[in-house]
Amino acid sequence: NYFSAPRFYCVETICAPCGVVIAWRKFAKSEGVAKILQLLEDVYPDPASRPSYIAIDKGCALLKHIVRQGHWEPI
């Protein structure tokens, strides 16, 4: 089985409000906030293209990481 715990931890998806999958990525070993941020930056490289609202179960941890690391300066 290619999608097994030793190889991949989870599949993270980015969906539009209507439910259409915009992007997805397999995460190896963990679902860390740095990996989530990298996925968002890869999908939305231009700050103007980023959605104004992002719902994620690790939202507080992700926001703390963004603020502490200086990512995503205000436009």
PDB file of N, CA and C in Angstrom:
ATOM      1  N   ASN A   1       0.852  -1.175   0.000  1.00  0.00           N
ATOM      2  CA  ASN A   1       0.000   0.000   0.000  1.00  0.00           C
ATOM      3  C   ASN A   1       0.898   1.240   0.000  1.00  0.00           C
ATOM      4  N   TYR A   2       0.832   2.020  -1.044  1.00  0.00           N
ATOM      5  CA  TYR A   2       1.686   3.197  -1.172  1.00  0.00           C
ATOM      6  C   TYR A   2       1.331   4.269  -0.145  1.00  0.00           C
ATOM      7  N   PHE A   3       0.048   4.447   0.136  1.00  0.00           N
ATOM      8  CA  PHE A   3      -0.377   5.454   1.109  1.00  0.00           C
ATOM      9  C   PHE A   3      -0.467   4.785   2.480  1.00  0.00           C
ATOM     10  N   SER A   4       0.661   4.590   3.106  1.00  0.00           N
ATOM     11  CA  SER A   4       0.697   3.962   4.421  1.00  0.00           C
ATOM     12  C   SER A   4       1.443   4.877   5.393  1.00  0.00           C
ATOM     13  N   ALA A   5       1.249   4.628   6.663  1.00  0.00           N
ATOM     14  CA  ALA A   5       1.819   5.498   7.697  1.00  0.00           C
ATOM     15  C   ALA A   5       3.329   5.713   7.580  1.00  0.00           C
ATOM     16  N   PRO A   6       4.129   4.687   7.258  1.00  0.00           N
ATOM     17  CA  PRO A   6       5.566   4.947   7.150  1.00  0.00           C
ATOM     18  C   PRO A   6       5.930   5.917   6.024  1.00  0.00           C
ATOM     19  N   ARG A   7       5.059   6.054   5.025  1.00  0.00           N
ATOM     20  CA  ARG A   7       5.377   6.923   3.889  1.00  0.00           C
ATOM     21  C   ARG A   7       4.704   8.290   3.977  1.00  0.00           C
ATOM     22  N   PHE A   8       3.426   8.297   4.286  1.00  0.00           N
ATOM     23  CA  PHE A   8       2.681   9.557   4.331  1.00  0.00           C
ATOM     24  C   PHE A   8       1.802   9.613   5.562  1.00  0.00           C
ATOM     25  N   TYR A   9       1.711  10.806   6.136  1.00  0.00           N
ATOM     26  CA  TYR A   9       0.917  11.010   7.333  1.00  0.00           C
ATOM     27  C   TYR A   9      -0.518  11.386   6.980  1.00  0.00           C
ATOM     28  N   CYS A  10      -0.682  12.303   6.028  1.00  0.00           N
ATOM     29  CA  CYS A  10      -2.023  12.753   5.672  1.00  0.00           C
ATOM     30  C   CYS A  10      -2.022  13.421   4.304  1.00  0.00           C
ATOM     31  N   VAL A  11      -3.215  13.658   3.805  1.00  0.00           N
ATOM     32  CA  VAL A  11      -3.404  14.446   2.589  1.00  0.00           C
ATOM     33  C   VAL A  11      -4.117  15.724   3.005  1.00  0.00           C
ATOM     34  N   GLU A  12      -3.503  16.847   2.736  1.00  0.00           N
ATOM     35  CA  GLU A  12      -4.075  18.160   3.055  1.00  0.00           C
ATOM     36  C   GLU A  12      -4.701  18.719   1.785  1.00  0.00           C
ATOM     37  N   THR A  13      -5.920  19.220   1.874  1.00  0.00           N
ATOM     38  CA  THR A  13      -6.597  19.775   0.699  1.00  0.00           C
ATOM     39  C   THR A  13      -6.939  21.238   0.928  1.00  0.00           C
ATOM     40  N   ILE A  14      -6.945  21.991  -0.166  1.00  0.00           N
ATOM     41  CA  ILE A  14      -7.439  23.366  -0.169  1.00  0.00           C
ATOM     42  C   ILE A  14      -8.672  23.350  -1.050  1.00  0.00           C
ATOM     43  N   CYS A  15      -9.803  23.743  -0.475  1.00  0.00           N
ATOM     44  CA  CYS A  15     -11.077  23.705  -1.192  1.00  0.00           C
ATOM     45  C   CYS A  15     -11.694  25.093  -1.275  1.00  0.00           C
ATOM     46  N   ALA A  16     -12.383  25.331  -2.384  1.00  0.00           N
ATOM     47  CA  ALA A  16     -13.165  26.558  -2.543  1.00  0.00           C
ATOM     48  C   ALA A  16     -14.422  26.431  -1.681  1.00  0.00           C
ATOM     49  N   PRO A  17     -15.087  27.541  -1.364  1.00  0.00           N
ATOM     50  CA  PRO A  17     -16.309  27.474  -0.568  1.00  0.00           C
ATOM     51  C   PRO A  17     -17.379  26.556  -1.161  1.00  0.00           C
ATOM     52  N   CYS A  18     -17.370  26.391  -2.483  1.00  0.00           N
ATOM     53  CA  CYS A  18     -18.361  25.524  -3.123  1.00  0.00           C
ATOM     54  C   CYS A  18     -17.996  24.047  -3.006  1.00  0.00           C
ATOM     55  N   GLY A  19     -16.803  23.733  -2.478  1.00  0.00           N
ATOM     56  CA  GLY A  19     -16.387  22.355  -2.289  1.00  0.00           C
ATOM     57  C   GLY A  19     -15.415  21.827  -3.328  1.00  0.00           C
ATOM     58  N   VAL A  20     -15.134  22.603  -4.360  1.00  0.00           N
ATOM     59  CA  VAL A  20     -14.192  22.177  -5.395  1.00  0.00           C
ATOM     60  C   VAL A  20     -12.773  22.180  -4.819  1.00  0.00           C
ATOM     61  N   VAL A  21     -12.043  21.089  -5.043  1.00  0.00           N
ATOM     62  CA  VAL A  21     -10.664  20.998  -4.567  1.00  0.00           C
ATOM     63  C   VAL A  21      -9.775  21.857  -5.467  1.00  0.00           C
ATOM     64  N   ILE A  22      -9.085  22.804  -4.869  1.00  0.00           N
ATOM     65  CA  ILE A  22      -8.174  23.691  -5.594  1.00  0.00           C
ATOM     66  C   ILE A  22      -6.785  23.067  -5.664  1.00  0.00           C
ATOM     67  N   ALA A  23      -6.346  22.465  -4.561  1.00  0.00           N
ATOM     68  CA  ALA A  23      -5.024  21.846  -4.507  1.00  0.00           C
ATOM     69  C   ALA A  23      -5.004  20.819  -3.386  1.00  0.00           C
ATOM     70  N   TRP A  24      -4.059  19.897  -3.483  1.00  0.00           N
ATOM     71  CA  TRP A  24      -3.855  18.922  -2.415  1.00  0.00           C
ATOM     72  C   TRP A  24      -2.391  18.517  -2.391  1.00  0.00           C
ATOM     73  N   ARG A  25      -1.966  18.041  -1.223  1.00  0.00           N
ATOM     74  CA  ARG A  25      -0.582  17.594  -1.072  1.00  0.00           C
ATOM     75  C   ARG A  25      -0.521  16.511  -0.001  1.00  0.00           C
ATOM     76  N   LYS A  26       0.308  15.507  -0.238  1.00  0.00           N
ATOM     77  CA  LYS A  26       0.570  14.472   0.760  1.00  0.00           C
ATOM     78  C   LYS A  26       1.679  14.975   1.674  1.00  0.00           C
ATOM     79  N   PHE A  27       1.469  14.852   2.975  1.00  0.00           N
ATOM     80  CA  PHE A  27       2.475  15.247   3.953  1.00  0.00           C
ATOM     81  C   PHE A  27       3.109  14.002   4.547  1.00  0.00           C
ATOM     82  N   ALA A  28       4.417  13.941   4.487  1.00  0.00           N
ATOM     83  CA  ALA A  28       5.144  12.824   5.075  1.00  0.00           C
ATOM     84  C   ALA A  28       5.379  13.082   6.559  1.00  0.00           C
ATOM     85  N   LYS A  29       5.154  12.098   7.356  1.00  0.00           N
ATOM     86  CA  LYS A  29       5.497  12.045   8.783  1.00  0.00           C
ATOM     87  C   LYS A  29       4.709  12.957   9.714  1.00  0.00           C
ATOM     88  N   SER A  30       4.298  14.150   9.285  1.00  0.00           N
ATOM     89  CA  SER A  30       3.559  15.035  10.193  1.00  0.00           C
ATOM     90  C   SER A  30       2.785  16.087   9.407  1.00  0.00           C
ATOM     91  N   GLU A  31       1.868  16.725  10.114  1.00  0.00           N
ATOM     92  CA  GLU A  31       1.059  17.813   9.549  1.00  0.00           C
ATOM     93  C   GLU A  31       1.449  19.099  10.281  1.00  0.00           C
ATOM     94  N   GLY A  32       2.693  19.495  10.133  1.00  0.00           N
ATOM     95  CA  GLY A  32       3.204  20.660  10.850  1.00  0.00           C
ATOM     96  C   GLY A  32       2.765  21.965  10.216  1.00  0.00           C
ATOM     97  N   VAL A  33       2.764  23.022  11.030  1.00  0.00           N
ATOM     98  CA  VAL A  33       2.315  24.321  10.534  1.00  0.00           C
ATOM     99  C   VAL A  33       3.237  24.866   9.448  1.00  0.00           C
ATOM    100  N   ALA A  34       4.524  24.561   9.510  1.00  0.00           N
ATOM    101  CA  ALA A  34       5.442  25.022   8.460  1.00  0.00           C
ATOM    102  C   ALA A  34       5.088  24.385   7.116  1.00  0.00           C
ATOM    103  N   LYS A  35       4.681  23.124   7.134  1.00  0.00           N
ATOM    104  CA  LYS A  35       4.279  22.443   5.894  1.00  0.00           C
ATOM    105  C   LYS A  35       2.969  23.014   5.359  1.00  0.00           C
ATOM    106  N   ILE A  36       2.049  23.319   6.260  1.00  0.00           N
ATOM    107  CA  ILE A  36       0.776  23.909   5.846  1.00  0.00           C
ATOM    108  C   ILE A  36       1.023  25.282   5.229  1.00  0.00           C
ATOM    109  N   LEU A  37       1.872  26.084   5.864  1.00  0.00           N
ATOM    110  CA  LEU A  37       2.196  27.410   5.338  1.00  0.00           C
ATOM    111  C   LEU A  37       2.854  27.296   3.967  1.00  0.00           C
ATOM    112  N   GLN A  38       3.754  26.333   3.789  1.00  0.00           N
ATOM    113  CA  GLN A  38       4.417  26.150   2.495  1.00  0.00           C
ATOM    114  C   GLN A  38       3.406  25.787   1.418  1.00  0.00           C
ATOM    115  N   LEU A  39       2.438  24.939   1.742  1.00  0.00           N
ATOM    116  CA  LEU A  39       1.381  24.592   0.787  1.00  0.00           C
ATOM    117  C   LEU A  39       0.603  25.843   0.393  1.00  0.00           C
ATOM    118  N   LEU A  40       0.212  26.655   1.365  1.00  0.00           N
ATOM    119  CA  LEU A  40      -0.530  27.881   1.067  1.00  0.00           C
ATOM    120  C   LEU A  40       0.297  28.840   0.213  1.00  0.00           C
ATOM    121  N   GLU A  41       1.583  28.963   0.511  1.00  0.00           N
ATOM    122  CA  GLU A  41       2.445  29.855  -0.273  1.00  0.00           C
ATOM    123  C   GLU A  41       2.661  29.329  -1.690  1.00  0.00           C
ATOM    124  N   ASP A  42       2.698  28.004  -1.851  1.00  0.00           N
ATOM    125  CA  ASP A  42       2.849  27.421  -3.188  1.00  0.00           C
ATOM    126  C   ASP A  42       1.590  27.620  -4.026  1.00  0.00           C
ATOM    127  N   VAL A  43       0.434  27.488  -3.398  1.00  0.00           N
ATOM    128  CA  VAL A  43      -0.835  27.630  -4.121  1.00  0.00           C
ATOM    129  C   VAL A  43      -1.155  29.101  -4.376  1.00  0.00           C
ATOM    130  N   TYR A  44      -0.816  29.959  -3.426  1.00  0.00           N
ATOM    131  CA  TYR A  44      -1.092  31.394  -3.537  1.00  0.00           C
ATOM    132  C   TYR A  44       0.218  32.188  -3.429  1.00  0.00           C
ATOM    133  N   PRO A  45       1.096  32.128  -4.448  1.00  0.00           N
ATOM    134  CA  PRO A  45       2.393  32.813  -4.351  1.00  0.00           C
ATOM    135  C   PRO A  45       2.280  34.337  -4.328  1.00  0.00           C
ATOM    136  N   ASP A  46       1.242  34.869  -4.950  1.00  0.00           N
ATOM    137  CA  ASP A  46       1.024  36.313  -4.977  1.00  0.00           C
ATOM    138  C   ASP A  46       0.101  36.684  -3.817  1.00  0.00           C
ATOM    139  N   PRO A  47       0.543  37.531  -2.892  1.00  0.00           N
ATOM    140  CA  PRO A  47      -0.309  37.892  -1.762  1.00  0.00           C
ATOM    141  C   PRO A  47      -1.696  38.389  -2.167  1.00  0.00           C
ATOM    142  N   ALA A  48      -1.805  39.041  -3.311  1.00  0.00           N
ATOM    143  CA  ALA A  48      -3.108  39.546  -3.756  1.00  0.00           C
ATOM    144  C   ALA A  48      -4.062  38.417  -4.136  1.00  0.00           C
ATOM    145  N   SER A  49      -3.529  37.231  -4.433  1.00  0.00           N
ATOM    146  CA  SER A  49      -4.384  36.107  -4.836  1.00  0.00           C
ATOM    147  C   SER A  49      -4.868  35.289  -3.645  1.00  0.00           C
ATOM    148  N   ARG A  50      -4.345  35.570  -2.463  1.00  0.00           N
ATOM    149  CA  ARG A  50      -4.720  34.789  -1.284  1.00  0.00           C
ATOM    150  C   ARG A  50      -6.144  35.111  -0.860  1.00  0.00           C
ATOM    151  N   PRO A  51      -6.862  34.098  -0.393  1.00  0.00           N
ATOM    152  CA  PRO A  51      -8.220  34.363   0.083  1.00  0.00           C
ATOM    153  C   PRO A  51      -8.185  35.231   1.340  1.00  0.00           C
ATOM    154  N   SER A  52      -9.255  35.946   1.571  1.00  0.00           N
ATOM    155  CA  SER A  52      -9.307  36.804   2.754  1.00  0.00           C
ATOM    156  C   SER A  52      -9.637  36.005   4.011  1.00  0.00           C
ATOM    157  N   TYR A  53     -10.093  34.774   3.832  1.00  0.00           N
ATOM    158  CA  TYR A  53     -10.464  33.931   4.969  1.00  0.00           C
ATOM    159  C   TYR A  53      -9.972  32.518   4.715  1.00  0.00           C
ATOM    160  N   ILE A  54      -9.265  31.944   5.680  1.00  0.00           N
ATOM    161  CA  ILE A  54      -8.779  30.569   5.588  1.00  0.00           C
ATOM    162  C   ILE A  54      -9.251  29.834   6.835  1.00  0.00           C
ATOM    163  N   ALA A  55      -9.982  28.750   6.662  1.00  0.00           N
ATOM    164  CA  ALA A  55     -10.445  27.932   7.781  1.00  0.00           C
ATOM    165  C   ALA A  55      -9.583  26.680   7.846  1.00  0.00           C
ATOM    166  N   ILE A  56      -8.972  26.461   8.986  1.00  0.00           N
ATOM    167  CA  ILE A  56      -8.101  25.297   9.163  1.00  0.00           C
ATOM    168  C   ILE A  56      -8.135  24.883  10.627  1.00  0.00           C
ATOM    169  N   ASP A  57      -8.057  23.593  10.873  1.00  0.00           N
ATOM    170  CA  ASP A  57      -8.147  23.114  12.250  1.00  0.00           C
ATOM    171  C   ASP A  57      -6.956  23.539  13.108  1.00  0.00           C
ATOM    172  N   LYS A  58      -5.843  23.838  12.496  1.00  0.00           N
ATOM    173  CA  LYS A  58      -4.664  24.309  13.232  1.00  0.00           C
ATOM    174  C   LYS A  58      -4.465  25.807  13.027  1.00  0.00           C
ATOM    175  N   GLY A  59      -5.557  26.536  12.885  1.00  0.00           N
ATOM    176  CA  GLY A  59      -5.496  27.959  12.572  1.00  0.00           C
ATOM    177  C   GLY A  59      -4.733  28.786  13.591  1.00  0.00           C
ATOM    178  N   CYS A  60      -4.953  28.539  14.876  1.00  0.00           N
ATOM    179  CA  CYS A  60      -4.260  29.324  15.908  1.00  0.00           C
ATOM    180  C   CYS A  60      -2.760  29.064  15.871  1.00  0.00           C
ATOM    181  N   ALA A  61      -2.371  27.805  15.731  1.00  0.00           N
ATOM    182  CA  ALA A  61      -0.942  27.466  15.666  1.00  0.00           C
ATOM    183  C   ALA A  61      -0.314  28.035  14.396  1.00  0.00           C
ATOM    184  N   LEU A  62      -1.053  27.997  13.290  1.00  0.00           N
ATOM    185  CA  LEU A  62      -0.539  28.536  12.031  1.00  0.00           C
ATOM    186  C   LEU A  62      -0.364  30.053  12.128  1.00  0.00           C
ATOM    187  N   LEU A  63      -1.337  30.749  12.690  1.00  0.00           N
ATOM    188  CA  LEU A  63      -1.232  32.199  12.855  1.00  0.00           C
ATOM    189  C   LEU A  63      -0.048  32.557  13.751  1.00  0.00           C
ATOM    190  N   LYS A  64       0.130  31.827  14.842  1.00  0.00           N
ATOM    191  CA  LYS A  64       1.261  32.077  15.739  1.00  0.00           C
ATOM    192  C   LYS A  64       2.591  31.897  14.998  1.00  0.00           C
ATOM    193  N   HIS A  65       2.683  30.860  14.177  1.00  0.00           N
ATOM    194  CA  HIS A  65       3.895  30.612  13.390  1.00  0.00           C
ATOM    195  C   HIS A  65       4.141  31.756  12.404  1.00  0.00           C
ATOM    196  N   ILE A  66       3.088  32.195  11.713  1.00  0.00           N
ATOM    197  CA  ILE A  66       3.211  33.279  10.731  1.00  0.00           C
ATOM    198  C   ILE A  66       3.695  34.562  11.411  1.00  0.00           C
ATOM    199  N   VAL A  67       3.119  34.898  12.551  1.00  0.00           N
ATOM    200  CA  VAL A  67       3.487  36.128  13.261  1.00  0.00           C
ATOM    201  C   VAL A  67       4.916  36.041  13.793  1.00  0.00           C
ATOM    202  N   ARG A  68       5.263  34.929  14.411  1.00  0.00           N
ATOM    203  CA  ARG A  68       6.607  34.785  15.001  1.00  0.00           C
ATOM    204  C   ARG A  68       7.709  34.752  13.951  1.00  0.00           C
ATOM    205  N   GLN A  69       7.427  34.148  12.802  1.00  0.00           N
ATOM    206  CA  GLN A  69       8.444  34.014  11.762  1.00  0.00           C
ATOM    207  C   GLN A  69       8.460  35.197  10.797  1.00  0.00           C
ATOM    208  N   GLY A  70       7.482  36.095  10.904  1.00  0.00           N
ATOM    209  CA  GLY A  70       7.448  37.270  10.038  1.00  0.00           C
ATOM    210  C   GLY A  70       6.937  36.997   8.635  1.00  0.00           C
ATOM    211  N   HIS A  71       6.221  35.895   8.458  1.00  0.00           N
ATOM    212  CA  HIS A  71       5.636  35.579   7.159  1.00  0.00           C
ATOM    213  C   HIS A  71       4.419  36.466   6.911  1.00  0.00           C
ATOM    214  N   TRP A  72       4.099  36.623   5.664  1.00  0.00           N
ATOM    215  CA  TRP A  72       2.855  37.270   5.235  1.00  0.00           C
ATOM    216  C   TRP A  72       2.695  38.661   5.829  1.00  0.00           C
ATOM    217  N   GLU A  73       3.633  39.503   5.543  1.00  0.00           N
ATOM    218  CA  GLU A  73       3.522  40.894   5.972  1.00  0.00           C
ATOM    219  C   GLU A  73       2.257  41.499   5.365  1.00  0.00           C
ATOM    220  N   PRO A  74       1.619  42.442   6.047  1.00  0.00           N
ATOM    221  CA  PRO A  74       0.407  43.063   5.496  1.00  0.00           C
ATOM    222  C   PRO A  74       0.675  43.676   4.126  1.00  0.00           C
ATOM    223  N   ILE A  75      -0.303  43.569   3.269  1.00  0.00           N
ATOM    224  CA  ILE A  75      -0.176  44.096   1.897  1.00  0.00           C
ATOM    225  C   ILE A  75      -0.284  45.607   1.929  1.00  0.00           C
TER     226      ILE A  75
END
